[in-house]
Amino acid sequence: MTAEQKQRTLREIKATQELMLRNSPEYGTLMSITGATTFDSKLKYDSLYTSATEDMATYYKKFNNPKTFLSIGASGEQVINAICCGAKVIDVYDSNILCKHAVNLRLAALKGLPKEKLINYYRTFNPQLFATFAEYLPEDSLLYWYGVYSSFPIELSGTFIRDFLFTYKRLDKSLVELMNPYLQGENYIKTQKATLDVEINYLDCDLYSLPEKIKNKSYDGMTFSNIYEYINYGNSVTRKKANQYRNFIINEMYPHLNADGSIMVSYLYAWNEKTKKEFDKMHREHPERLVGTGAISFDKYLDYLNGHTTQNLAYSYLFDALANDHIIKLPTNHIQYGQSIDMSHDMALILKK
């Protein structure tokens, strides 16, 4: 590790301490333990996912044994499932700088732990369990995770990391196994072995900066998870943002797709073509009743249950934007998120070459 890389990792540790302080109701107590103060940076440091929230067991089959792969970092499970289905070279992008360390953590845990212990680790972040696989971390992530763990008393470190760093909703063990191919049957041991022969490259960039990072590259598979929601989200959903995303996929990403390759364009929660028709009717007749983000008032609760939400407005706009493209609308298992009249399944939008 160079001196510059070490300094960067130390800045990331400090940023993580500050992030965990912000996420904690015990701000004063944690500040006195860590000695951290407000970290001022234009870079993005954000909370981490304990697990993915998509039915990858269904849509990863569409990648058909890819050798080169482009994936969001997120929890690291998108990357590991790419390895499980055959990827040998994986480029990983994420606007959250800390995701690099989250991906490396999951890869190291996979290499060093049997399946049940890996699942248990992501329930507890037990420091003793961490120590049993830490040797598999690359040097910068080893420094990072030891720095984060050592920020707290040993008996509290796992709990603090679980509650104040990996803050996103935890799914039931059975659901995590259902949606992750690498956790099914003999795939776990197969994927463990495959990780020893995989090249992973990290791209420090957000979505729309990707074209500059991959100018001379091509891929057999790409996944964009539910990143579209982060772009067209909340109370500022517009058709323009949906069209911009569609143009980015078709004009900027599709040319980097190899013959017979696939792009997972977007993952949609509790959505299907029937829901699209019902939503459009509701929104056409009562646009003023659309439910935005934040607290749901009593008079809008029924509209929420029926799926008259800004999330579904963003989905509807995306469907319209892609109407003339050869998109496969693949039903997947429902994973607890989203709201609509028909909660029968989620949907992955697939573009093949």
Protein backbone atom coordinates (compact mmCIF):
# COMPACT_ATOMS: atom_id res chain seq x y z
CA MET A 1 0.00 0.00 0.00
CA THR A 2 1.37 3.41 -0.95
CA ALA A 3 1.45 6.32 1.47
CA GLU A 4 -1.33 7.98 -0.55
CA GLN A 5 -3.54 4.87 -0.34
CA LYS A 6 -2.94 4.65 3.40
CA GLN A 7 -3.95 8.28 3.90
CA ARG A 8 -7.06 7.75 1.85
CA THR A 9 -8.05 4.71 3.91
CA LEU A 10 -7.49 6.63 7.15
CA ARG A 11 -9.78 9.38 5.82
CA GLU A 12 -12.39 6.72 5.04
CA ILE A 13 -12.15 5.37 8.61
CA LYS A 14 -12.67 8.87 10.00
CA ALA A 15 -15.59 9.45 7.64
CA THR A 16 -17.12 6.14 8.75
CA GLN A 17 -16.85 7.13 12.40
CA GLU A 18 -18.67 10.37 11.66
CA LEU A 19 -21.32 8.52 9.63
CA MET A 20 -21.94 6.12 12.50
CA LEU A 21 -22.23 9.05 14.88
CA ARG A 22 -24.92 10.61 12.70
CA ASN A 23 -26.77 7.28 12.55
CA SER A 24 -26.67 6.84 16.32
CA PRO A 25 -29.23 8.15 18.81
CA GLU A 26 -26.36 8.14 21.32
CA TYR A 27 -24.37 10.79 19.46
CA GLY A 28 -22.60 12.20 22.51
CA THR A 29 -21.59 8.81 23.92
CA LEU A 30 -20.14 7.57 20.64
CA MET A 31 -18.32 10.86 20.04
CA SER A 32 -16.55 10.49 23.36
CA ILE A 33 -15.61 6.87 22.59
CA THR A 34 -14.25 7.49 19.08
CA GLY A 35 -12.94 11.01 19.41
CA ALA A 36 -14.46 11.70 15.99
CA THR A 37 -15.78 15.10 14.99
CA THR A 38 -17.80 16.24 11.98
CA PHE A 39 -16.01 15.17 8.82
CA ASP A 40 -16.09 17.78 6.08
CA SER A 41 -15.78 16.29 2.61
CA LYS A 42 -17.43 16.56 -0.80
CA LEU A 43 -17.00 12.80 -1.29
CA LYS A 44 -19.95 10.51 -0.60
CA TYR A 45 -19.79 8.26 2.43
CA ASP A 46 -23.05 6.49 3.16
CA SER A 47 -24.56 3.63 5.18
CA LEU A 48 -24.14 0.07 3.93
CA TYR A 49 -26.47 -2.79 3.01
CA THR A 50 -26.34 -6.02 5.02
CA SER A 51 -27.73 -7.87 2.02
CA ALA A 52 -29.12 -7.21 -1.43
CA THR A 53 -32.88 -6.70 -1.82
CA GLU A 54 -33.51 -8.24 -5.25
CA ASP A 55 -34.49 -11.69 -6.47
CA MET A 56 -31.17 -12.44 -8.17
CA ALA A 57 -31.89 -16.18 -8.25
CA THR A 58 -34.35 -15.44 -11.05
CA TYR A 59 -32.80 -12.69 -13.13
CA TYR A 60 -29.13 -13.74 -12.94
CA LYS A 61 -30.05 -16.78 -15.04
CA LYS A 62 -30.44 -14.37 -17.97
CA PHE A 63 -26.71 -13.58 -17.89
CA ASN A 64 -25.88 -17.07 -19.19
CA ASN A 65 -22.34 -17.68 -17.92
CA PRO A 66 -20.78 -14.21 -18.45
CA LYS A 67 -16.98 -13.90 -18.35
CA THR A 68 -16.84 -10.10 -18.06
CA PHE A 69 -19.28 -8.24 -15.85
CA LEU A 70 -20.16 -4.71 -14.73
CA SER A 71 -21.86 -4.47 -11.33
CA ILE A 72 -22.92 -1.98 -8.72
CA GLY A 73 -21.01 -2.51 -5.45
CA ALA A 74 -23.85 -2.19 -2.89
CA SER A 75 -23.78 -5.08 -0.39
CA GLY A 76 -21.38 -7.14 -2.50
CA GLU A 77 -23.94 -9.86 -3.21
CA GLN A 78 -24.46 -8.65 -6.79
CA VAL A 79 -20.72 -9.15 -7.30
CA ILE A 80 -20.64 -12.57 -5.65
CA ASN A 81 -23.64 -13.78 -7.65
CA ALA A 82 -21.81 -12.68 -10.81
CA ILE A 83 -18.90 -14.90 -9.73
CA CYS A 84 -21.36 -17.72 -9.04
CA CYS A 85 -22.70 -17.54 -12.60
CA GLY A 86 -19.24 -17.58 -14.18
CA ALA A 87 -17.74 -14.08 -14.24
CA LYS A 88 -13.92 -13.91 -14.26
CA VAL A 89 -13.38 -10.15 -14.60
CA ILE A 90 -15.73 -7.80 -12.74
CA ASP A 91 -15.73 -4.01 -12.77
CA VAL A 92 -17.50 -2.57 -9.73
CA TYR A 93 -18.91 0.95 -9.55
CA ASP A 94 -20.69 2.77 -6.73
CA SER A 95 -21.11 6.40 -5.74
CA ASN A 96 -20.74 5.37 -2.08
CA ILE A 97 -16.99 5.24 -1.47
CA LEU A 98 -17.41 2.81 1.45
CA CYS A 99 -18.96 0.14 -0.79
CA LYS A 100 -15.52 -0.94 -1.95
CA HIS A 101 -14.76 -2.06 1.60
CA ALA A 102 -18.22 -3.65 1.94
CA VAL A 103 -17.63 -5.72 -1.21
CA ASN A 104 -14.15 -6.73 -0.03
CA LEU A 105 -15.59 -7.68 3.37
CA ARG A 106 -18.16 -10.02 1.81
CA LEU A 107 -15.60 -11.56 -0.52
CA ALA A 108 -13.26 -12.21 2.41
CA ALA A 109 -16.08 -13.66 4.52
CA LEU A 110 -17.02 -15.95 1.62
CA LYS A 111 -13.43 -17.16 1.26
CA GLY A 112 -12.91 -17.75 4.97
CA LEU A 113 -16.24 -18.93 6.38
CA PRO A 114 -18.66 -21.80 5.80
CA LYS A 115 -22.12 -20.72 4.72
CA GLU A 116 -23.85 -20.73 8.13
CA LYS A 117 -21.07 -18.72 9.73
CA LEU A 118 -21.18 -16.16 6.93
CA ILE A 119 -24.91 -15.73 7.45
CA ASN A 120 -24.35 -15.43 11.19
CA TYR A 121 -21.59 -12.87 10.71
CA TYR A 122 -23.94 -10.56 8.82
CA ARG A 123 -26.41 -10.86 11.70
CA THR A 124 -23.87 -9.93 14.37
CA PHE A 125 -20.64 -8.52 12.85
CA ASN A 126 -18.96 -10.40 15.69
CA PRO A 127 -15.32 -9.19 15.99
CA GLN A 128 -14.01 -12.67 16.88
CA LEU A 129 -15.64 -14.08 13.76
CA PHE A 130 -14.26 -11.18 11.72
CA ALA A 131 -10.74 -12.05 12.92
CA THR A 132 -11.05 -15.57 11.47
CA PHE A 133 -11.35 -14.33 7.87
CA ALA A 134 -9.65 -10.90 8.01
CA GLU A 135 -6.52 -12.33 6.36
CA TYR A 136 -8.43 -12.58 3.08
CA LEU A 137 -8.96 -8.81 2.91
CA PRO A 138 -6.78 -6.72 0.59
CA GLU A 139 -4.41 -4.42 2.44
CA ASP A 140 -6.46 -1.23 2.27
CA SER A 141 -9.69 -2.92 3.40
CA LEU A 142 -7.82 -4.77 6.16
CA LEU A 143 -6.63 -1.40 7.49
CA TYR A 144 -10.12 0.03 7.09
CA TRP A 145 -12.03 -2.71 8.89
CA TYR A 146 -9.52 -3.05 11.70
CA GLY A 147 -9.70 0.73 12.05
CA VAL A 148 -13.50 0.66 12.29
CA TYR A 149 -13.57 -2.27 14.73
CA SER A 150 -10.88 -0.72 16.93
CA SER A 151 -12.83 2.55 17.13
CA PHE A 152 -14.98 0.93 19.81
CA PRO A 153 -14.59 -1.34 22.84
CA ILE A 154 -14.33 -4.92 21.58
CA GLU A 155 -17.57 -6.00 23.29
CA LEU A 156 -19.54 -3.21 21.56
CA SER A 157 -17.88 -3.07 18.15
CA GLY A 158 -20.02 -5.66 16.35
CA THR A 159 -23.26 -4.18 17.66
CA PHE A 160 -22.25 -0.64 16.70
CA ILE A 161 -21.19 -1.70 13.21
CA ARG A 162 -24.44 -3.61 12.72
CA ASP A 163 -26.71 -0.83 14.04
CA PHE A 164 -24.96 2.35 12.91
CA LEU A 165 -23.08 1.42 9.72
CA PHE A 166 -25.10 -1.42 8.11
CA THR A 167 -28.33 0.43 8.76
CA TYR A 168 -30.56 -0.71 5.90
CA LYS A 169 -33.35 -3.19 6.56
CA ARG A 170 -32.36 -6.78 7.29
CA LEU A 171 -34.21 -9.57 5.52
CA ASP A 172 -35.12 -12.95 6.98
CA LYS A 173 -32.52 -15.68 6.52
CA SER A 174 -34.90 -17.78 4.40
CA LEU A 175 -35.51 -14.85 2.04
CA VAL A 176 -31.80 -14.05 1.75
CA GLU A 177 -31.13 -17.68 0.74
CA LEU A 178 -34.09 -17.73 -1.67
CA MET A 179 -32.90 -14.72 -3.67
CA ASN A 180 -29.13 -15.38 -3.72
CA PRO A 181 -27.86 -18.11 -6.08
CA TYR A 182 -24.50 -18.35 -4.28
CA LEU A 183 -26.27 -19.46 -1.08
CA GLN A 184 -28.18 -22.30 -2.75
CA GLY A 185 -27.15 -25.97 -2.69
CA GLU A 186 -23.61 -26.66 -3.82
CA ASN A 187 -23.19 -23.15 -5.21
CA TYR A 188 -21.62 -21.84 -2.01
CA ILE A 189 -18.56 -24.10 -2.17
CA LYS A 190 -18.38 -23.65 -5.95
CA THR A 191 -18.38 -19.86 -5.54
CA GLN A 192 -15.80 -20.02 -2.74
CA LYS A 193 -13.40 -21.75 -5.11
CA ALA A 194 -14.23 -19.43 -8.00
CA THR A 195 -13.33 -16.30 -5.98
CA LEU A 196 -9.69 -17.43 -5.99
CA ASP A 197 -9.50 -16.83 -9.75
CA VAL A 198 -11.43 -13.58 -10.25
CA GLU A 199 -10.15 -10.13 -11.14
CA ILE A 200 -12.12 -7.30 -9.51
CA ASN A 201 -11.57 -3.67 -10.46
CA TYR A 202 -13.13 -0.78 -8.52
CA LEU A 203 -14.33 2.31 -10.37
CA ASP A 204 -14.75 5.35 -8.14
CA CYS A 205 -17.65 7.02 -9.91
CA ASP A 206 -21.38 7.58 -9.93
CA LEU A 207 -23.65 6.19 -12.62
CA TYR A 208 -23.46 8.92 -15.22
CA SER A 209 -19.65 9.08 -14.93
CA LEU A 210 -19.33 5.43 -15.99
CA PRO A 211 -18.78 6.05 -19.73
CA GLU A 212 -15.50 7.85 -18.98
CA LYS A 213 -14.31 4.92 -16.87
CA ILE A 214 -15.10 2.12 -19.33
CA LYS A 215 -14.19 3.71 -22.68
CA ASN A 216 -12.34 0.71 -24.12
CA LYS A 217 -14.17 -2.07 -22.27
CA SER A 218 -17.00 -4.44 -23.08
CA TYR A 219 -19.02 -6.86 -20.96
CA ASP A 220 -21.05 -10.03 -21.20
CA GLY A 221 -23.32 -8.84 -18.39
CA MET A 222 -24.22 -5.64 -16.55
CA THR A 223 -26.51 -5.01 -13.61
CA PHE A 224 -27.89 -1.64 -12.59
CA SER A 225 -29.90 -2.99 -9.66
CA ASN A 226 -32.56 -0.48 -8.53
CA ILE A 227 -30.25 2.51 -9.04
CA TYR A 228 -32.90 4.13 -11.26
CA GLU A 229 -34.97 4.73 -8.12
CA TYR A 230 -32.18 6.78 -6.58
CA ILE A 231 -32.08 8.94 -9.71
CA ASN A 232 -35.84 9.44 -10.06
CA TYR A 233 -36.97 9.41 -6.46
CA GLY A 234 -39.24 10.98 -3.89
CA ASN A 235 -41.27 14.08 -4.49
CA SER A 236 -39.29 15.19 -7.56
CA VAL A 237 -40.07 12.32 -9.97
CA THR A 238 -40.15 13.46 -13.59
CA ARG A 239 -40.57 11.93 -17.02
CA LYS A 240 -37.40 13.75 -18.08
CA LYS A 241 -35.30 11.75 -15.59
CA ALA A 242 -36.80 8.49 -16.87
CA ASN A 243 -35.95 9.44 -20.45
CA GLN A 244 -32.44 10.45 -19.42
CA TYR A 245 -31.90 7.07 -17.77
CA ARG A 246 -33.27 5.23 -20.81
CA ASN A 247 -30.96 7.18 -23.13
CA PHE A 248 -27.99 6.45 -20.87
CA ILE A 249 -28.66 2.69 -20.99
CA ILE A 250 -29.39 2.51 -24.72
CA ASN A 251 -26.85 5.04 -26.02
CA GLU A 252 -24.02 4.83 -23.46
CA MET A 253 -24.10 1.31 -21.99
CA TYR A 254 -25.56 -0.93 -24.69
CA PRO A 255 -22.59 -0.29 -27.04
CA HIS A 256 -20.33 -1.82 -24.35
CA LEU A 257 -22.37 -5.05 -24.32
CA ASN A 258 -20.89 -8.08 -26.06
CA ALA A 259 -22.88 -10.26 -28.47
CA ASP A 260 -25.39 -12.47 -26.58
CA GLY A 261 -24.84 -10.32 -23.47
CA SER A 262 -27.53 -8.98 -21.12
CA ILE A 263 -28.15 -5.80 -19.15
CA MET A 264 -30.40 -5.78 -16.10
CA VAL A 265 -31.73 -2.28 -16.72
CA SER A 266 -33.70 -1.81 -13.51
CA TYR A 267 -35.26 -3.79 -10.69
CA LEU A 268 -38.86 -2.81 -9.86
CA TYR A 269 -40.53 -3.71 -6.56
CA ALA A 270 -44.17 -4.93 -6.49
CA TRP A 271 -44.64 -4.00 -10.13
CA ASN A 272 -45.94 -5.66 -13.27
CA GLU A 273 -47.84 -4.77 -16.42
CA LYS A 274 -51.21 -5.15 -14.70
CA THR A 275 -50.04 -2.77 -11.99
CA LYS A 276 -48.92 -0.32 -14.68
CA LYS A 277 -52.44 -0.14 -16.12
CA GLU A 278 -54.07 0.25 -12.70
CA PHE A 279 -51.58 2.88 -11.61
CA ASP A 280 -51.96 4.94 -14.78
CA LYS A 281 -55.75 4.92 -14.36
CA MET A 282 -55.49 6.07 -10.72
CA HIS A 283 -52.98 8.78 -11.56
CA ARG A 284 -54.95 10.01 -14.57
CA GLU A 285 -58.18 10.31 -12.58
CA HIS A 286 -56.75 11.58 -9.27
CA PRO A 287 -53.24 13.03 -9.68
CA GLU A 288 -53.71 15.13 -6.53
CA ARG A 289 -53.89 11.97 -4.40
CA LEU A 290 -50.40 10.71 -5.28
CA VAL A 291 -48.54 9.64 -2.13
CA GLY A 292 -45.04 11.07 -1.79
CA THR A 293 -42.17 10.22 0.53
CA GLY A 294 -42.34 10.84 4.26
CA ALA A 295 -45.15 10.22 6.72
CA ILE A 296 -48.40 8.97 5.21
CA SER A 297 -51.45 10.89 6.36
CA PHE A 298 -54.58 8.92 7.29
CA ASP A 299 -56.56 10.22 4.30
CA LYS A 300 -53.89 8.96 1.88
CA TYR A 301 -53.36 5.55 3.44
CA LEU A 302 -55.75 3.79 1.06
CA ASP A 303 -54.01 5.41 -1.91
CA TYR A 304 -50.71 4.08 -0.57
CA LEU A 305 -52.11 0.55 -0.19
CA ASN A 306 -53.30 0.70 -3.80
CA GLY A 307 -49.85 1.75 -4.97
CA HIS A 308 -50.62 5.34 -5.94
CA THR A 309 -47.07 6.40 -4.98
CA THR A 310 -44.24 8.45 -6.44
CA GLN A 311 -42.19 5.24 -6.60
CA ASN A 312 -44.73 3.74 -8.99
CA LEU A 313 -44.92 7.01 -10.92
CA ALA A 314 -41.17 6.65 -11.57
CA TYR A 315 -41.73 3.04 -12.68
CA SER A 316 -44.55 4.06 -15.01
CA TYR A 317 -42.39 6.75 -16.59
CA LEU A 318 -39.59 4.23 -17.13
CA PHE A 319 -41.99 1.77 -18.79
CA ASP A 320 -43.08 4.55 -21.13
CA ALA A 321 -39.48 5.56 -21.86
CA LEU A 322 -38.56 1.97 -22.82
CA ALA A 323 -41.78 1.26 -24.74
CA ASN A 324 -40.08 1.03 -28.15
CA ASP A 325 -37.02 -0.91 -26.98
CA HIS A 326 -36.70 -4.68 -26.94
CA ILE A 327 -36.97 -5.05 -23.18
CA ILE A 328 -37.71 -8.38 -21.51
CA LYS A 329 -40.09 -7.85 -18.57
CA LEU A 330 -39.09 -10.68 -16.28
CA PRO A 331 -41.32 -11.50 -13.27
CA THR A 332 -39.31 -12.21 -10.10
CA ASN A 333 -40.18 -13.14 -6.54
CA HIS A 334 -41.48 -10.28 -4.39
CA ILE A 335 -38.93 -9.04 -1.82
CA GLN A 336 -40.99 -7.04 0.73
CA TYR A 337 -40.47 -3.60 -0.82
CA GLY A 338 -42.81 -1.41 -2.85
CA GLN A 339 -46.61 -1.25 -2.79
CA SER A 340 -49.30 -1.99 -5.36
CA ILE A 341 -52.73 -3.53 -5.73
CA ASP A 342 -51.08 -6.66 -7.14
CA MET A 343 -48.20 -7.77 -4.88
CA SER A 344 -47.66 -11.07 -6.71
CA HIS A 345 -44.10 -10.37 -7.85
CA ASP A 346 -41.34 -7.86 -8.58
CA MET A 347 -39.96 -7.30 -12.06
CA ALA A 348 -36.51 -7.11 -13.65
CA LEU A 349 -36.15 -5.28 -16.96
CA ILE A 350 -33.63 -7.13 -19.17
CA LEU A 351 -32.03 -5.90 -22.39
CA LYS A 352 -30.27 -8.55 -24.51
CA LYS A 353 -27.94 -8.19 -27.47
